[in-house]
Amino acid sequence: MRTSRGTSVVWLVWVAASLSSAAALAQELAPRAYWPAPKGTKVASFTYQYSTGDILFDPSLPVVGVDSRLNLTQFSYTQTIEIAGRTANFQFNVPYSWGTTEGVVAGIPLNRYTAGWSDARARISINLLGAPTLDRKAFQQLRADPNPIVGASLMISAPTGSYDADLAINVGSNRWAIKPAIGYIHPLARRWLTEFELGVWVFGDNDEFLGMKREQNPVATGEFHLVKRVRPGFWFSLDLNYYYGGRTLLDGVEIADLQRNSRAGFTLTFPWKHKHAIRASFSTGTVTSSGGDFDMLTFMYAYAWN
């Protein structure tokens, strides 16, 4: 569906909020993001995610029944490296997504099917405390007797996804985004860990949004995970996050789409034959003031080698 600058402001509000990359990025729950691995470990993984749910707006807007059914596949590569004698990780993600968003705006039914490459992302993390560079023996010792770990990371989202400036909804965002974050792992017992992360997504501008300039305020994010390690590589976690901010501006006009949202879920990872693992996770919105209120089901296959 194509639109022009003369399209109603209400429709533009819906577009700006409905498939906002800020909302999609902030909704992520990532347990074990700072847990180390032996130097030289490499992991290739393939992920499928299905999301379905509503998109919520300011009640004063004539926008109702907005619903999305979205699919995402993603290839990821992660490698454990050494930086200044500390354990560090580099990760690169290439996603492809497709799905449908539909709703009623000012009494007019609207829908849009999208498919294409989404924005690629890269993440670099380093453990500042508690995890120097590890060989296999040192890693086994840490696994047997875990200690507190402090880490820092930087996520970069590049505008590589499919984007058409004449379309209201795209799978690519046509802008850069970065997320600096700090994480902390605290062992409660030999097999129980708590994990915390605080970060903030900062967004560049999209100067080609239906002939207008689209800006977005930063989104502050926090995550909490309670992790139970069953045996090497086999673990599950309870996951919770909260994110705040992300108000959109179109040509300097502020939109009523401030996010004050939270998600909760669980993750289960099961290994076999030492090098293979399957991860399954589910999460749902617990508090949603604006933006996507989605149920997300994710499956991932990973292969590791050194």
Protein backbone atom coordinates (compact mmCIF):
# COMPACT_ATOMS: atom_id res chain seq x y z
CA MET A 1 0.00 0.00 0.00
CA ARG A 2 1.42 3.36 -1.04
CA THR A 3 0.72 6.70 0.53
CA SER A 4 1.76 10.36 0.18
CA ARG A 5 2.50 13.41 2.29
CA GLY A 6 -1.20 14.27 2.23
CA THR A 7 -2.15 11.06 4.06
CA SER A 8 -3.92 11.66 7.36
CA VAL A 9 -1.78 12.34 10.43
CA VAL A 10 -3.62 9.50 12.17
CA TRP A 11 -2.39 7.01 9.56
CA LEU A 12 1.15 8.31 9.95
CA VAL A 13 0.92 7.87 13.71
CA TRP A 14 -0.13 4.26 13.20
CA VAL A 15 2.69 3.67 10.76
CA ALA A 16 5.30 5.25 13.01
CA ALA A 17 4.32 3.09 15.98
CA SER A 18 3.15 -0.17 14.43
CA LEU A 19 6.40 -1.61 13.13
CA SER A 20 8.82 0.68 14.96
CA SER A 21 12.29 -0.86 15.02
CA ALA A 22 12.71 0.72 18.45
CA ALA A 23 9.85 -1.36 19.81
CA ALA A 24 11.11 -4.56 18.18
CA LEU A 25 14.66 -4.08 19.48
CA ALA A 26 13.61 -3.10 23.00
CA GLN A 27 11.32 -6.13 23.35
CA GLU A 28 14.20 -8.58 23.13
CA LEU A 29 15.10 -10.77 26.11
CA ALA A 30 18.65 -12.15 26.00
CA PRO A 31 19.72 -14.33 28.94
CA ARG A 32 23.36 -15.44 29.25
CA ALA A 33 24.52 -12.48 27.16
CA TYR A 34 27.64 -11.98 29.32
CA TRP A 35 28.43 -15.59 30.27
CA PRO A 36 31.96 -16.34 28.98
CA ALA A 37 33.27 -19.15 26.79
CA PRO A 38 36.79 -20.48 26.15
CA LYS A 39 38.91 -18.35 23.84
CA GLY A 40 38.41 -19.27 20.19
CA THR A 41 34.91 -20.70 20.62
CA LYS A 42 32.78 -20.18 17.51
CA VAL A 43 29.01 -20.54 17.28
CA ALA A 44 26.83 -20.50 14.17
CA SER A 45 23.08 -20.40 14.76
CA PHE A 46 19.79 -20.23 12.89
CA THR A 47 16.71 -18.72 14.53
CA TYR A 48 13.00 -18.69 13.71
CA GLN A 49 10.65 -16.36 15.58
CA TYR A 50 6.89 -15.91 15.33
CA SER A 51 5.23 -12.85 16.85
CA THR A 52 1.55 -12.09 17.04
CA GLY A 53 -0.45 -9.50 18.93
CA ASP A 54 -1.96 -6.06 19.11
CA ILE A 55 -0.49 -2.60 18.72
CA LEU A 56 -1.73 -0.08 21.29
CA PHE A 57 -2.20 3.67 20.84
CA ASP A 58 -3.39 6.77 22.62
CA PRO A 59 -7.14 6.11 23.22
CA SER A 60 -7.98 9.52 21.70
CA LEU A 61 -6.83 8.35 18.26
CA PRO A 62 -9.35 6.75 15.84
CA VAL A 63 -7.18 3.66 15.44
CA VAL A 64 -8.65 0.27 16.39
CA GLY A 65 -8.10 -3.42 15.78
CA VAL A 66 -4.44 -3.09 14.84
CA ASP A 67 -2.89 -6.54 14.75
CA SER A 68 0.35 -8.00 13.42
CA ARG A 69 1.50 -11.51 12.56
CA LEU A 70 5.22 -11.43 11.91
CA ASN A 71 7.85 -14.04 11.08
CA LEU A 72 11.60 -13.67 11.38
CA THR A 73 14.52 -15.91 10.47
CA GLN A 74 18.05 -15.01 11.42
CA PHE A 75 21.55 -16.33 10.85
CA SER A 76 24.09 -15.45 13.55
CA TYR A 77 27.80 -15.98 13.99
CA THR A 78 29.54 -15.49 17.35
CA GLN A 79 33.23 -15.81 18.21
CA THR A 80 34.94 -15.55 21.59
CA ILE A 81 38.09 -13.42 21.38
CA GLU A 82 40.57 -11.75 23.71
CA ILE A 83 40.72 -7.99 24.35
CA ALA A 84 43.40 -6.75 26.76
CA GLY A 85 43.49 -10.12 28.50
CA ARG A 86 39.72 -10.21 29.03
CA THR A 87 37.08 -12.53 27.55
CA ALA A 88 35.20 -10.79 24.75
CA ASN A 89 32.65 -11.78 22.12
CA PHE A 90 31.85 -10.58 18.63
CA GLN A 91 28.47 -11.40 17.10
CA PHE A 92 26.95 -10.66 13.70
CA ASN A 93 23.25 -11.15 12.83
CA VAL A 94 21.54 -11.18 9.41
CA PRO A 95 17.70 -11.31 9.69
CA TYR A 96 14.95 -11.82 7.12
CA SER A 97 11.32 -11.10 8.04
CA TRP A 98 7.83 -11.24 6.59
CA GLY A 99 4.30 -10.73 7.88
CA THR A 100 1.09 -8.77 7.88
CA THR A 101 -0.13 -5.75 9.85
CA GLU A 102 -3.77 -4.68 9.63
CA GLY A 103 -6.19 -2.37 11.41
CA VAL A 104 -8.92 0.25 11.08
CA VAL A 105 -7.89 3.91 10.90
CA ALA A 106 -10.64 6.56 11.01
CA GLY A 107 -13.13 3.88 9.87
CA ILE A 108 -10.98 2.75 6.94
CA PRO A 109 -9.63 -0.85 6.95
CA LEU A 110 -5.92 -0.90 6.12
CA ASN A 111 -3.41 -3.72 5.80
CA ARG A 112 0.17 -4.21 4.67
CA TYR A 113 2.20 -7.32 3.88
CA THR A 114 5.97 -6.92 4.09
CA ALA A 115 8.85 -9.26 3.27
CA GLY A 116 12.56 -8.69 2.94
CA TRP A 117 15.94 -8.44 4.62
CA SER A 118 15.84 -6.61 7.94
CA ASP A 119 18.63 -4.46 9.35
CA ALA A 120 21.85 -6.35 10.10
CA ARG A 121 23.31 -6.05 13.59
CA ALA A 122 26.71 -6.50 15.18
CA ARG A 123 27.53 -6.77 18.90
CA ILE A 124 30.84 -6.57 20.71
CA SER A 125 31.03 -7.36 24.43
CA ILE A 126 33.85 -7.58 26.96
CA ASN A 127 33.87 -8.93 30.51
CA LEU A 128 35.50 -6.28 32.70
CA LEU A 129 35.49 -8.23 35.96
CA GLY A 130 35.44 -11.92 36.84
CA ALA A 131 36.25 -13.45 33.45
CA PRO A 132 39.76 -13.03 32.08
CA THR A 133 40.62 -14.90 28.90
CA LEU A 134 39.82 -18.58 29.55
CA ASP A 135 41.19 -21.82 28.19
CA ARG A 136 39.08 -24.96 28.55
CA LYS A 137 40.48 -25.85 31.97
CA ALA A 138 39.88 -22.35 33.38
CA PHE A 139 36.38 -22.34 31.90
CA GLN A 140 35.54 -25.64 33.62
CA GLN A 141 36.77 -24.17 36.92
CA LEU A 142 34.54 -21.10 36.44
CA ARG A 143 31.59 -23.33 35.59
CA ALA A 144 32.16 -25.39 38.76
CA ASP A 145 32.66 -22.35 40.99
CA PRO A 146 31.10 -19.26 39.34
CA ASN A 147 32.02 -15.78 40.54
CA PRO A 148 30.49 -12.35 39.90
CA ILE A 149 31.02 -11.03 36.37
CA VAL A 150 30.69 -7.46 35.09
CA GLY A 151 30.55 -6.86 31.35
CA ALA A 152 29.97 -4.08 28.85
CA SER A 153 28.63 -4.30 25.32
CA LEU A 154 27.81 -2.26 22.24
CA MET A 155 25.13 -3.28 19.74
CA ILE A 156 25.03 -1.59 16.32
CA SER A 157 22.06 -1.83 13.96
CA ALA A 158 22.91 -0.79 10.39
CA PRO A 159 20.37 0.43 7.77
CA THR A 160 20.87 -2.56 5.47
CA GLY A 161 17.26 -3.75 5.39
CA SER A 162 14.79 -3.45 2.51
CA TYR A 163 13.38 0.08 2.42
CA ASP A 164 11.15 2.04 0.03
CA ALA A 165 10.76 5.73 0.89
CA ASP A 166 7.28 5.76 -0.71
CA LEU A 167 5.97 2.97 1.52
CA ALA A 168 4.60 3.59 5.00
CA ILE A 169 5.70 0.23 6.45
CA ASN A 170 9.07 -1.37 5.72
CA VAL A 171 11.14 -4.20 7.18
CA GLY A 172 14.21 -1.93 7.17
CA SER A 173 14.45 1.22 9.28
CA ASN A 174 16.67 3.36 7.00
CA ARG A 175 18.66 4.63 10.00
CA TRP A 176 21.49 3.67 12.30
CA ALA A 177 20.94 2.67 15.93
CA ILE A 178 23.34 1.82 18.74
CA LYS A 179 22.86 0.33 22.18
CA PRO A 180 25.62 0.64 24.80
CA ALA A 181 24.92 -1.53 27.85
CA ILE A 182 26.45 -2.86 31.05
CA GLY A 183 25.68 -6.30 32.49
CA TYR A 184 26.18 -8.05 35.81
CA ILE A 185 26.06 -11.77 36.68
CA HIS A 186 25.75 -12.75 40.34
CA PRO A 187 25.88 -16.41 41.42
CA LEU A 188 23.28 -17.30 44.06
CA ALA A 189 24.54 -20.87 44.35
CA ARG A 190 26.62 -23.27 42.29
CA ARG A 191 23.84 -23.76 39.73
CA TRP A 192 21.77 -20.58 40.16
CA LEU A 193 22.63 -17.20 38.67
CA THR A 194 20.97 -13.81 38.46
CA GLU A 195 21.73 -11.55 35.51
CA PHE A 196 21.05 -7.85 35.05
CA GLU A 197 21.56 -5.51 32.12
CA LEU A 198 21.00 -1.76 31.76
CA GLY A 199 21.27 -0.13 28.34
CA VAL A 200 19.90 2.55 26.05
CA TRP A 201 19.00 2.47 22.36
CA VAL A 202 19.98 5.67 20.54
CA PHE A 203 18.62 6.23 17.03
CA GLY A 204 19.72 8.17 13.99
CA ASP A 205 17.20 10.03 11.86
CA ASN A 206 15.29 8.69 8.88
CA ASP A 207 15.22 11.56 6.37
CA GLU A 208 13.14 9.61 3.85
CA PHE A 209 9.94 8.79 5.72
CA LEU A 210 7.14 9.60 3.24
CA GLY A 211 8.86 12.88 2.38
CA MET A 212 9.35 13.78 6.02
CA LYS A 213 12.07 13.50 8.65
CA ARG A 214 11.41 10.84 11.28
CA GLU A 215 13.23 11.18 14.58
CA GLN A 216 12.97 9.00 17.67
CA ASN A 217 13.99 9.65 21.24
CA PRO A 218 16.24 7.11 23.02
CA VAL A 219 14.76 3.99 24.64
CA ALA A 220 16.18 3.03 28.06
CA THR A 221 16.10 -0.73 28.69
CA GLY A 222 16.59 -3.02 31.67
CA GLU A 223 16.66 -6.83 31.82
CA PHE A 224 16.59 -9.37 34.65
CA HIS A 225 17.15 -13.13 34.33
CA LEU A 226 17.06 -15.91 36.91
CA VAL A 227 19.10 -18.79 35.47
CA LYS A 228 19.19 -22.43 36.58
CA ARG A 229 22.12 -24.47 35.22
CA VAL A 230 21.14 -28.15 35.06
CA ARG A 231 24.34 -29.55 33.53
CA PRO A 232 26.95 -28.26 31.06
CA GLY A 233 25.11 -26.48 28.26
CA PHE A 234 21.66 -27.38 29.66
CA TRP A 235 19.93 -24.47 31.41
CA PHE A 236 16.69 -22.55 31.69
CA SER A 237 15.81 -19.04 32.79
CA LEU A 238 12.94 -16.79 33.80
CA ASP A 239 13.20 -13.48 31.94
CA LEU A 240 11.85 -9.97 32.54
CA ASN A 241 12.51 -6.60 30.96
CA TYR A 242 11.30 -2.99 31.05
CA TYR A 243 11.83 -0.27 28.48
CA TYR A 244 10.94 3.41 28.49
CA GLY A 245 11.03 6.19 25.89
CA GLY A 246 11.09 6.12 22.10
CA ARG A 247 8.66 8.96 21.40
CA THR A 248 8.55 9.70 17.65
CA LEU A 249 8.76 13.08 15.92
CA LEU A 250 7.61 13.63 12.32
CA ASP A 251 9.02 16.86 10.86
CA GLY A 252 9.44 18.04 14.45
CA VAL A 253 5.84 17.24 15.48
CA GLU A 254 5.78 14.96 18.56
CA ILE A 255 3.64 11.81 18.34
CA ALA A 256 1.77 10.31 21.31
CA ASP A 257 3.66 7.00 21.30
CA LEU A 258 5.80 7.08 24.46
CA GLN A 259 6.61 3.50 25.48
CA ARG A 260 6.48 2.35 29.13
CA ASN A 261 6.41 -1.37 28.51
CA SER A 262 7.49 -4.65 30.07
CA ARG A 263 7.78 -8.27 28.93
CA ALA A 264 8.17 -11.57 30.77
CA GLY A 265 9.03 -15.04 29.56
CA PHE A 266 11.24 -18.10 29.84
CA THR A 267 14.11 -19.68 27.91
CA LEU A 268 15.25 -23.32 27.73
CA THR A 269 18.50 -24.51 26.12
CA PHE A 270 19.24 -28.20 25.58
CA PRO A 271 22.59 -29.48 24.17
CA TRP A 272 23.53 -32.78 22.58
CA LYS A 273 26.73 -34.37 21.28
CA HIS A 274 28.77 -31.52 22.81
CA LYS A 275 28.58 -29.25 19.75
CA HIS A 276 24.84 -28.95 19.08
CA ALA A 277 22.09 -27.14 21.00
CA ILE A 278 18.46 -26.14 20.65
CA ARG A 279 17.04 -23.11 22.40
CA ALA A 280 13.33 -22.38 22.81
CA SER A 281 11.83 -19.28 24.38
CA PHE A 282 8.48 -17.62 24.88
CA SER A 283 7.64 -14.12 26.07
CA THR A 284 4.56 -11.96 26.36
CA GLY A 285 3.76 -8.36 27.18
CA THR A 286 2.97 -7.74 30.86
CA VAL A 287 2.65 -3.94 30.69
CA THR A 288 2.14 -2.07 27.40
CA SER A 289 1.35 1.65 27.34
CA SER A 290 2.05 2.13 23.62
CA GLY A 291 3.43 0.05 20.76
CA GLY A 292 3.51 -3.70 20.30
CA ASP A 293 1.84 -6.02 22.80
CA PHE A 294 3.13 -9.26 21.29
CA ASP A 295 3.44 -12.91 22.15
CA MET A 296 6.79 -14.15 20.82
CA LEU A 297 7.79 -17.79 20.26
CA THR A 298 11.40 -18.45 19.26
CA PHE A 299 13.37 -21.55 18.28
CA MET A 300 17.11 -21.58 17.64
CA TYR A 301 19.57 -24.26 16.49
CA ALA A 302 23.24 -23.64 17.32
CA TYR A 303 26.46 -25.42 16.35
CA ALA A 304 29.64 -24.66 18.32
CA TRP A 305 33.27 -25.51 17.67
CA ASN A 306 36.74 -24.42 18.74
